[in-house]
């Protein structure tokens, strides 16, 4: 048994929770039953009526890294993961952008091949669970899947290195169902500057070609991970609204992956949506400083601080324990973003199974109702919660599709 200090967002007190290291299915069911006796019931009912569409989930890569799990294992609780079908249903997830991420160490044709393997994994997962998941390649298909009680499953490619500097491969990914491309991951591409790499001048000529092609296809331009200069240039270059699928507010936490107010406003003014993430080092200043110290240690040892696997190994050697972020930190970022750009321009991108640590109160994908319960208790209206949950990102999908159709008339 272990002791875990968990913040209760309603009471602002600390509750001592005892859990086994591997929560079994009966304990999980009992916990959810207790939660339904609280204000969570109102949030649960809300999410039964409106689709909660999350912008970023790394389950595909987490399963690949695990080496022992497969598609067939995902219909039951998997304690080593933050996502499975049991918790997706409990969390009332109505739509999910499944990331088909591959690390930046994959180069050229290796990156392309690995991305295709990740795309194939998501397709197999959808086909294996046709009563739970439905492939969605349009806004209407998202709405149709939700109406039939299935999780609308969209694909997002994370990092422009995965297209191998080929517009043909970009088009092929679109045919395979990919509906957003994150222009960079943690490292620069030859044509776009990342937030966590050296400056190369922002967006380069081929980057403009990539954005133009994405507009023609109806594929969303995702600016999470990009530098400020890349983001601002991309917002201006795109004819369709753009998104940031998993970032938070730099004014609150000075992390290079977070977004400054000017960029947030530019994105909102262009009709885009910023999907707030749950990554502890992005939402908590204490966690961000701990993370920065880890990166400095990597540099001092001649290691690459952009490599997430390197950082996770170094983390095991840290003397000071990692600070805890909480659900309350996420609410702070949501309310700040709402104040800066309005509720019409925000969404959620949890980054589950892409985080080595999770906020207390948002431990896995089953916890979305807890977040919405806390927002409702803080005075958020049902209308605002509906926009945050999925209405905003559905609008952007519809608009990107509309731009593609209008551009096709002139080709």
Protein backbone atom coordinates (compact mmCIF):
# COMPACT_ATOMS: atom_id res chain seq x y z
CA UNK A 1 0.00 0.00 0.00
CA UNK A 2 1.11 3.58 -0.50
CA UNK A 3 -0.14 6.92 0.76
CA UNK A 4 -1.08 9.57 -1.75
CA UNK A 5 -1.94 13.20 -0.94
CA UNK A 6 -4.70 14.27 -3.29
CA UNK A 7 -6.20 17.76 -3.48
CA UNK A 8 -10.00 17.91 -3.41
CA UNK A 9 -10.86 20.83 -5.73
CA UNK A 10 -14.27 21.32 -4.10
CA UNK A 11 -13.17 21.58 -0.48
CA UNK A 12 -9.61 22.87 -1.02
CA UNK A 13 -8.49 20.41 1.67
CA UNK A 14 -6.08 17.54 1.48
CA UNK A 15 -7.57 14.08 1.51
CA UNK A 16 -5.46 11.04 2.35
CA UNK A 17 -6.21 8.31 -0.15
CA UNK A 18 -4.95 4.75 0.21
CA UNK A 19 -4.62 2.81 -3.02
CA UNK A 20 -2.96 -0.39 -4.03
CA UNK A 21 -0.19 -0.04 -6.56
CA UNK A 22 -2.35 -1.85 -9.07
CA UNK A 23 -5.96 -0.94 -8.63
CA UNK A 24 -8.10 -3.95 -9.58
CA UNK A 25 -11.32 -3.73 -11.52
CA UNK A 26 -13.67 -4.05 -8.53
CA UNK A 27 -11.86 -1.25 -6.67
CA UNK A 28 -12.02 0.93 -9.78
CA UNK A 29 -15.78 0.30 -10.12
CA UNK A 30 -16.38 1.11 -6.45
CA UNK A 31 -14.38 4.34 -6.71
CA UNK A 32 -16.43 5.48 -9.70
CA UNK A 33 -19.67 4.57 -7.88
CA UNK A 34 -18.68 6.77 -4.93
CA UNK A 35 -17.82 9.62 -7.27
CA UNK A 36 -21.24 9.46 -8.90
CA UNK A 37 -22.84 10.28 -5.54
CA UNK A 38 -21.09 13.68 -5.62
CA UNK A 39 -21.36 16.74 -7.91
CA UNK A 40 -19.55 14.63 -10.50
CA UNK A 41 -22.97 13.34 -11.49
CA UNK A 42 -23.86 16.68 -13.08
CA UNK A 43 -20.62 16.71 -15.08
CA UNK A 44 -21.15 13.09 -16.09
CA UNK A 45 -24.60 13.90 -17.43
CA UNK A 46 -23.23 16.89 -19.34
CA UNK A 47 -20.61 14.74 -21.06
CA UNK A 48 -23.25 12.17 -22.01
CA UNK A 49 -24.99 14.91 -24.01
CA UNK A 50 -22.05 16.75 -25.60
CA UNK A 51 -18.89 15.23 -27.07
CA UNK A 52 -15.69 15.63 -25.08
CA UNK A 53 -12.98 15.70 -27.76
CA UNK A 54 -9.41 15.48 -26.47
CA UNK A 55 -6.66 16.82 -28.71
CA UNK A 56 -3.75 14.53 -27.90
CA UNK A 57 -3.23 11.00 -26.56
CA UNK A 58 -0.02 8.97 -26.91
CA UNK A 59 -1.48 5.50 -26.29
CA UNK A 60 -0.12 4.12 -29.57
CA UNK A 61 3.47 4.96 -28.66
CA UNK A 62 3.01 3.82 -25.04
CA UNK A 63 1.88 0.38 -26.22
CA UNK A 64 4.75 0.19 -28.69
CA UNK A 65 7.27 1.06 -25.95
CA UNK A 66 5.75 -1.43 -23.51
CA UNK A 67 6.52 -4.35 -25.79
CA UNK A 68 4.14 -6.75 -24.00
CA UNK A 69 0.73 -5.21 -24.65
CA UNK A 70 -1.28 -5.35 -27.83
CA UNK A 71 -4.55 -4.08 -29.23
CA UNK A 72 -6.51 -6.97 -27.72
CA UNK A 73 -5.43 -5.99 -24.19
CA UNK A 74 -7.05 -2.55 -24.26
CA UNK A 75 -10.61 -3.58 -23.34
CA UNK A 76 -9.63 -4.07 -19.69
CA UNK A 77 -7.85 -1.96 -17.08
CA UNK A 78 -4.13 -1.63 -17.80
CA UNK A 79 -2.39 -0.17 -14.72
CA UNK A 80 0.81 0.55 -16.66
CA UNK A 81 -1.12 2.87 -18.98
CA UNK A 82 -3.22 6.00 -18.49
CA UNK A 83 -5.69 4.97 -21.21
CA UNK A 84 -7.81 1.91 -21.95
CA UNK A 85 -11.38 1.35 -23.14
CA UNK A 86 -12.72 0.92 -19.60
CA UNK A 87 -11.46 4.32 -18.50
CA UNK A 88 -12.31 6.03 -21.80
CA UNK A 89 -15.93 5.08 -21.21
CA UNK A 90 -15.84 6.08 -17.55
CA UNK A 91 -14.25 9.41 -18.51
CA UNK A 92 -17.05 10.06 -21.03
CA UNK A 93 -14.53 10.68 -23.81
CA UNK A 94 -16.55 11.24 -26.98
CA UNK A 95 -13.72 11.90 -29.41
CA UNK A 96 -9.97 11.37 -29.30
CA UNK A 97 -7.13 12.53 -31.52
CA UNK A 98 -4.79 9.53 -31.31
CA UNK A 99 -1.22 10.72 -31.77
CA UNK A 100 0.81 8.66 -34.24
CA UNK A 101 4.00 10.13 -32.80
CA UNK A 102 7.51 8.84 -33.40
CA UNK A 103 10.59 10.37 -31.68
CA UNK A 104 12.89 12.77 -33.50
CA UNK A 105 15.67 10.19 -33.45
CA UNK A 106 13.80 8.56 -36.35
CA UNK A 107 15.05 10.29 -39.47
CA UNK A 108 14.01 10.31 -43.13
CA UNK A 109 12.48 7.07 -44.36
CA UNK A 110 12.75 5.53 -40.88
CA UNK A 111 10.47 8.25 -39.50
CA UNK A 112 7.99 7.75 -42.34
CA UNK A 113 7.93 3.96 -41.86
CA UNK A 114 7.53 4.18 -38.09
CA UNK A 115 4.69 6.68 -38.48
CA UNK A 116 2.89 4.34 -40.88
CA UNK A 117 3.26 1.57 -38.29
CA UNK A 118 1.68 3.86 -35.67
CA UNK A 119 -1.17 4.71 -38.05
CA UNK A 120 -1.72 1.00 -38.65
CA UNK A 121 -1.86 0.38 -34.89
CA UNK A 122 -4.67 2.92 -34.48
CA UNK A 123 -6.60 1.42 -37.41
CA UNK A 124 -6.25 -2.08 -35.91
CA UNK A 125 -7.43 -0.80 -32.55
CA UNK A 126 -10.53 0.74 -34.12
CA UNK A 127 -11.28 -2.40 -36.15
CA UNK A 128 -10.79 -4.65 -33.11
CA UNK A 129 -13.34 -2.72 -31.03
CA UNK A 130 -16.05 -1.64 -33.51
CA UNK A 131 -18.64 -1.27 -30.72
CA UNK A 132 -16.40 1.12 -28.79
CA UNK A 133 -14.43 3.08 -31.40
CA UNK A 134 -15.20 4.55 -34.81
CA UNK A 135 -12.76 6.03 -37.31
CA UNK A 136 -13.54 9.72 -37.88
CA UNK A 137 -12.04 11.68 -40.75
CA UNK A 138 -14.50 14.59 -40.70
CA UNK A 139 -16.45 16.68 -38.22
CA UNK A 140 -19.67 14.95 -39.26
CA UNK A 141 -18.16 11.53 -38.60
CA UNK A 142 -17.20 12.71 -35.13
CA UNK A 143 -20.80 13.74 -34.49
CA UNK A 144 -22.14 10.48 -35.95
CA UNK A 145 -19.82 8.34 -33.81
CA UNK A 146 -20.84 10.19 -30.65
CA UNK A 147 -24.51 9.73 -31.52
CA UNK A 148 -23.97 5.95 -31.64
CA UNK A 149 -22.13 5.82 -28.31
CA UNK A 150 -18.67 5.23 -29.75
CA UNK A 151 -15.43 7.19 -29.31
CA UNK A 152 -14.77 9.13 -32.51
CA UNK A 153 -11.18 8.25 -33.33
CA UNK A 154 -9.14 10.80 -35.24
CA UNK A 155 -5.43 10.61 -36.03
CA UNK A 156 -2.81 13.30 -35.49
CA UNK A 157 0.81 13.10 -36.65
CA UNK A 158 3.22 14.71 -34.19
CA UNK A 159 6.37 16.26 -35.63
CA UNK A 160 7.03 17.34 -39.20
CA UNK A 161 10.05 15.01 -39.38
CA UNK A 162 7.54 12.22 -40.00
CA UNK A 163 6.74 13.37 -43.56
CA UNK A 164 10.33 13.07 -44.75
CA UNK A 165 10.21 16.50 -46.41
CA UNK A 166 7.66 15.16 -48.91
CA UNK A 167 4.28 16.67 -49.73
CA UNK A 168 3.40 13.34 -51.32
CA UNK A 169 3.85 11.57 -47.99
CA UNK A 170 1.79 14.29 -46.32
CA UNK A 171 -1.02 13.59 -48.81
CA UNK A 172 -0.67 9.84 -48.24
CA UNK A 173 -1.01 10.34 -44.48
CA UNK A 174 -4.21 12.30 -45.13
CA UNK A 175 -5.57 9.36 -47.17
CA UNK A 176 -4.76 7.12 -44.20
CA UNK A 177 -6.89 9.28 -41.91
CA UNK A 178 -4.41 11.76 -40.40
CA UNK A 179 -6.24 15.01 -39.71
CA UNK A 180 -3.57 17.14 -38.09
CA UNK A 181 0.17 17.51 -38.36
CA UNK A 182 2.20 19.08 -35.54
CA UNK A 183 4.84 21.02 -37.48
CA UNK A 184 7.67 20.10 -35.10
CA UNK A 185 8.31 17.98 -32.07
CA UNK A 186 11.14 18.81 -29.68
CA UNK A 187 13.70 19.29 -32.46
CA UNK A 188 13.72 21.59 -35.45
CA UNK A 189 12.92 20.24 -38.86
CA UNK A 190 14.80 21.74 -41.81
CA UNK A 191 11.72 23.90 -42.44
CA UNK A 192 10.26 24.81 -39.03
CA UNK A 193 11.69 25.90 -35.69
CA UNK A 194 10.76 24.07 -32.49
CA UNK A 195 10.20 25.72 -29.12
CA UNK A 196 12.91 23.59 -27.49
CA UNK A 197 15.70 23.88 -30.08
CA UNK A 198 18.07 26.55 -31.39
CA UNK A 199 16.75 29.36 -33.56
CA UNK A 200 16.72 28.83 -37.33
CA UNK A 201 14.54 31.80 -38.15
CA UNK A 202 11.07 30.37 -37.66
CA UNK A 203 9.17 29.03 -40.66
CA UNK A 204 11.19 28.41 -43.82
CA UNK A 205 9.96 28.27 -47.46
CA UNK A 206 9.09 24.56 -47.47
CA UNK A 207 7.11 25.12 -44.27
CA UNK A 208 4.85 27.53 -46.12
CA UNK A 209 4.36 24.86 -48.79
CA UNK A 210 3.41 22.32 -46.11
CA UNK A 211 0.80 24.67 -44.62
CA UNK A 212 -0.62 25.46 -48.08
CA UNK A 213 -0.95 21.74 -48.82
CA UNK A 214 -2.61 21.08 -45.47
CA UNK A 215 -5.15 23.83 -46.21
CA UNK A 216 -5.89 22.18 -49.58
CA UNK A 217 -6.41 18.82 -47.88
CA UNK A 218 -8.42 20.05 -44.92
CA UNK A 219 -5.75 18.90 -42.46
CA UNK A 220 -5.37 20.97 -39.29
CA UNK A 221 -2.10 22.82 -38.69
CA UNK A 222 -1.00 22.04 -35.13
CA UNK A 223 1.45 24.51 -33.56
CA UNK A 224 2.07 22.75 -30.24
CA UNK A 225 5.87 22.30 -29.89
CA UNK A 226 6.66 25.12 -32.34
CA UNK A 227 8.57 28.28 -31.43
CA UNK A 228 6.84 31.62 -31.11
CA UNK A 229 8.19 32.80 -34.47
CA UNK A 230 7.06 29.63 -36.23
CA UNK A 231 3.63 29.83 -34.62
CA UNK A 232 3.02 33.47 -35.54
CA UNK A 233 4.18 32.93 -39.13
CA UNK A 234 2.03 29.82 -39.46
CA UNK A 235 -1.08 31.54 -38.12
CA UNK A 236 -0.63 34.27 -40.69
CA UNK A 237 0.12 31.83 -43.53
CA UNK A 238 -2.77 29.44 -42.96
CA UNK A 239 -6.08 30.09 -44.70
CA UNK A 240 -7.86 27.87 -42.18
CA UNK A 241 -7.94 28.19 -38.37
CA UNK A 242 -5.01 26.47 -36.65
CA UNK A 243 -4.78 24.60 -33.36
CA UNK A 244 -2.39 23.97 -30.51
CA UNK A 245 -3.31 20.49 -29.36
CA UNK A 246 -1.42 20.26 -26.05
CA UNK A 247 0.10 23.42 -24.59
CA UNK A 248 -0.52 25.76 -21.65
CA UNK A 249 -0.08 29.42 -20.68
CA UNK A 250 3.43 30.87 -20.50
CA UNK A 251 2.31 33.83 -18.42
CA UNK A 252 1.54 31.37 -15.61
CA UNK A 253 4.45 28.93 -16.12
CA UNK A 254 7.59 29.96 -17.99
CA UNK A 255 8.16 26.72 -19.90
CA UNK A 256 9.33 26.90 -23.55
CA UNK A 257 6.46 24.63 -24.59
CA UNK A 258 3.88 27.08 -23.28
CA UNK A 259 2.27 29.89 -25.27
CA UNK A 260 2.62 33.62 -24.66
CA UNK A 261 -0.38 35.95 -24.63
CA UNK A 262 0.37 37.56 -28.00
CA UNK A 263 0.48 34.21 -29.77
CA UNK A 264 -2.67 33.06 -27.98
CA UNK A 265 -4.49 36.18 -29.16
CA UNK A 266 -3.23 35.80 -32.73
CA UNK A 267 -4.45 32.21 -32.80
CA UNK A 268 -7.85 33.19 -31.42
CA UNK A 269 -8.20 36.14 -33.78
CA UNK A 270 -7.68 33.71 -36.68
CA UNK A 271 -10.47 31.45 -35.36
CA UNK A 272 -8.16 28.82 -33.89
CA UNK A 273 -8.33 26.77 -30.70
CA UNK A 274 -5.71 26.29 -27.99
CA UNK A 275 -6.19 22.94 -26.28
CA UNK A 276 -4.88 23.15 -22.72
CA UNK A 277 -2.77 20.25 -21.52
CA UNK A 278 -2.26 18.47 -18.19
CA UNK A 279 1.54 17.96 -18.34
CA UNK A 280 2.81 18.81 -14.82
CA UNK A 281 5.88 20.78 -15.93
CA UNK A 282 3.67 22.93 -18.18
CA UNK A 283 1.04 23.77 -15.54
CA UNK A 284 3.05 24.06 -12.29
CA UNK A 285 5.95 26.48 -11.80
CA UNK A 286 7.51 24.13 -9.23
CA UNK A 287 7.32 21.20 -11.63
CA UNK A 288 8.72 23.37 -14.44
CA UNK A 289 11.77 24.32 -12.35
CA UNK A 290 12.34 20.67 -11.42
CA UNK A 291 12.12 19.78 -15.12
CA UNK A 292 14.55 22.59 -16.04
CA UNK A 293 17.06 21.26 -13.49
CA UNK A 294 16.75 17.83 -15.10
CA UNK A 295 17.48 19.30 -18.53
CA UNK A 296 20.50 21.16 -17.18
CA UNK A 297 21.77 17.90 -15.75
CA UNK A 298 21.37 16.24 -19.14
CA UNK A 299 23.44 18.99 -20.78
CA UNK A 300 26.14 18.75 -18.10
CA UNK A 301 26.46 15.02 -18.82
CA UNK A 302 26.66 15.50 -22.57
CA UNK A 303 23.14 14.19 -23.18
CA UNK A 304 20.39 15.62 -25.38
CA UNK A 305 17.85 17.49 -23.19
CA UNK A 306 15.28 17.30 -26.01
CA UNK A 307 15.17 13.49 -25.86
CA UNK A 308 12.29 12.43 -23.60
CA UNK A 309 13.71 8.93 -23.07
CA UNK A 310 17.01 10.41 -21.86
CA UNK A 311 15.17 12.67 -19.42
CA UNK A 312 13.10 9.80 -18.05
CA UNK A 313 16.24 7.81 -17.33
CA UNK A 314 17.90 10.77 -15.62
CA UNK A 315 14.76 11.31 -13.56
CA UNK A 316 15.45 8.05 -11.73
CA UNK A 317 18.71 9.56 -10.42
CA UNK A 318 17.23 12.83 -9.12
CA UNK A 319 17.70 13.27 -5.38
CA UNK A 320 14.76 15.62 -4.89
CA UNK A 321 11.37 14.07 -5.63
CA UNK A 322 9.34 15.60 -8.44
CA UNK A 323 6.79 18.13 -7.12
CA UNK A 324 3.11 17.35 -7.62
CA UNK A 325 0.83 19.23 -9.96
CA UNK A 326 -2.92 19.08 -9.32
CA UNK A 327 -6.26 19.49 -11.01
CA UNK A 328 -6.31 23.02 -9.59
CA UNK A 329 -3.28 23.95 -11.71
CA UNK A 330 -5.17 22.89 -14.83
CA UNK A 331 -8.13 25.04 -13.80
CA UNK A 332 -5.83 28.04 -13.33
CA UNK A 333 -4.61 27.70 -16.92
CA UNK A 334 -8.10 27.18 -18.29
CA UNK A 335 -9.44 30.25 -16.53
CA UNK A 336 -6.45 32.35 -17.56
CA UNK A 337 -6.80 31.31 -21.21
CA UNK A 338 -10.54 31.99 -21.07
CA UNK A 339 -9.80 35.49 -19.78
CA UNK A 340 -7.20 36.21 -22.49
CA UNK A 341 -8.85 34.74 -25.59
CA UNK A 342 -12.41 33.83 -24.62
CA UNK A 343 -14.09 30.49 -24.07
CA UNK A 344 -14.69 30.08 -27.83
CA UNK A 345 -10.94 29.60 -28.38
CA UNK A 346 -10.00 26.89 -25.86
CA UNK A 347 -10.20 23.13 -25.62
CA UNK A 348 -8.50 20.18 -23.90
CA UNK A 349 -5.46 18.12 -24.90
CA UNK A 350 -4.55 16.01 -21.90
CA UNK A 351 -1.44 14.28 -23.35
CA UNK A 352 -2.28 11.06 -21.52
CA UNK A 353 0.27 8.29 -21.99
CA UNK A 354 2.70 10.98 -23.10
CA UNK A 355 3.34 12.05 -19.48
CA UNK A 356 5.58 10.21 -17.06
CA UNK A 357 3.75 11.96 -14.20
CA UNK A 358 0.13 13.12 -14.00
CA UNK A 359 -1.65 15.79 -11.95
CA UNK A 360 -3.28 14.69 -8.70
CA UNK A 361 -6.99 14.42 -9.46
CA UNK A 362 -6.41 13.82 -13.18
CA UNK A 363 -4.55 10.52 -13.02
CA UNK A 364 -5.98 8.99 -16.20
CA UNK A 365 -8.63 9.43 -18.91
CA UNK A 366 -11.42 8.46 -16.51
CA UNK A 367 -10.97 11.76 -14.67
CA UNK A 368 -12.47 14.23 -17.17
CA UNK A 369 -15.79 14.36 -15.28
CA UNK A 370 -13.86 15.47 -12.18
CA UNK A 371 -12.43 18.39 -14.14
CA UNK A 372 -15.83 19.47 -15.44
CA UNK A 373 -17.38 19.05 -11.99
CA UNK A 374 -14.76 21.44 -10.61
CA UNK A 375 -15.44 23.94 -13.40
CA UNK A 376 -19.19 23.83 -12.84
CA UNK A 377 -18.65 24.36 -9.12
CA UNK A 378 -16.53 27.42 -9.95
CA UNK A 379 -19.40 28.93 -11.88
CA UNK A 380 -18.66 27.86 -15.44
CA UNK A 381 -21.92 27.66 -17.35
CA UNK A 382 -23.07 24.54 -19.18
CA UNK A 383 -22.68 26.51 -22.41
CA UNK A 384 -19.04 27.35 -21.63
CA UNK A 385 -18.30 23.76 -20.63
CA UNK A 386 -19.88 22.54 -23.86
CA UNK A 387 -17.61 24.81 -25.91
CA UNK A 388 -14.53 23.72 -23.98
CA UNK A 389 -15.39 20.03 -24.18
CA UNK A 390 -15.66 19.76 -27.94
CA UNK A 391 -17.81 22.36 -29.64
CA UNK A 392 -14.83 24.62 -30.36
CA UNK A 393 -12.62 21.98 -31.96
CA UNK A 394 -15.59 20.69 -33.98
CA UNK A 395 -16.06 24.21 -35.32
CA UNK A 396 -12.41 24.33 -36.42
CA UNK A 397 -12.72 20.93 -38.13
CA UNK A 398 -15.80 22.13 -40.00
CA UNK A 399 -14.06 25.34 -41.02
CA UNK A 400 -10.89 23.58 -42.22
CA UNK A 401 -13.04 21.27 -44.33
CA UNK A 402 -14.86 24.29 -45.73
CA UNK A 403 -11.58 26.00 -46.67
CA UNK A 404 -10.41 22.84 -48.46
CA UNK A 405 -13.62 22.67 -50.45
CA UNK A 406 -13.41 26.34 -51.44
CA UNK A 407 -9.78 26.00 -52.50
CA UNK A 408 -10.51 22.89 -54.57
CA UNK A 409 -12.80 24.93 -56.80
CA UNK A 410 -9.84 26.95 -57.98
CA UNK A 411 -7.44 24.07 -58.70
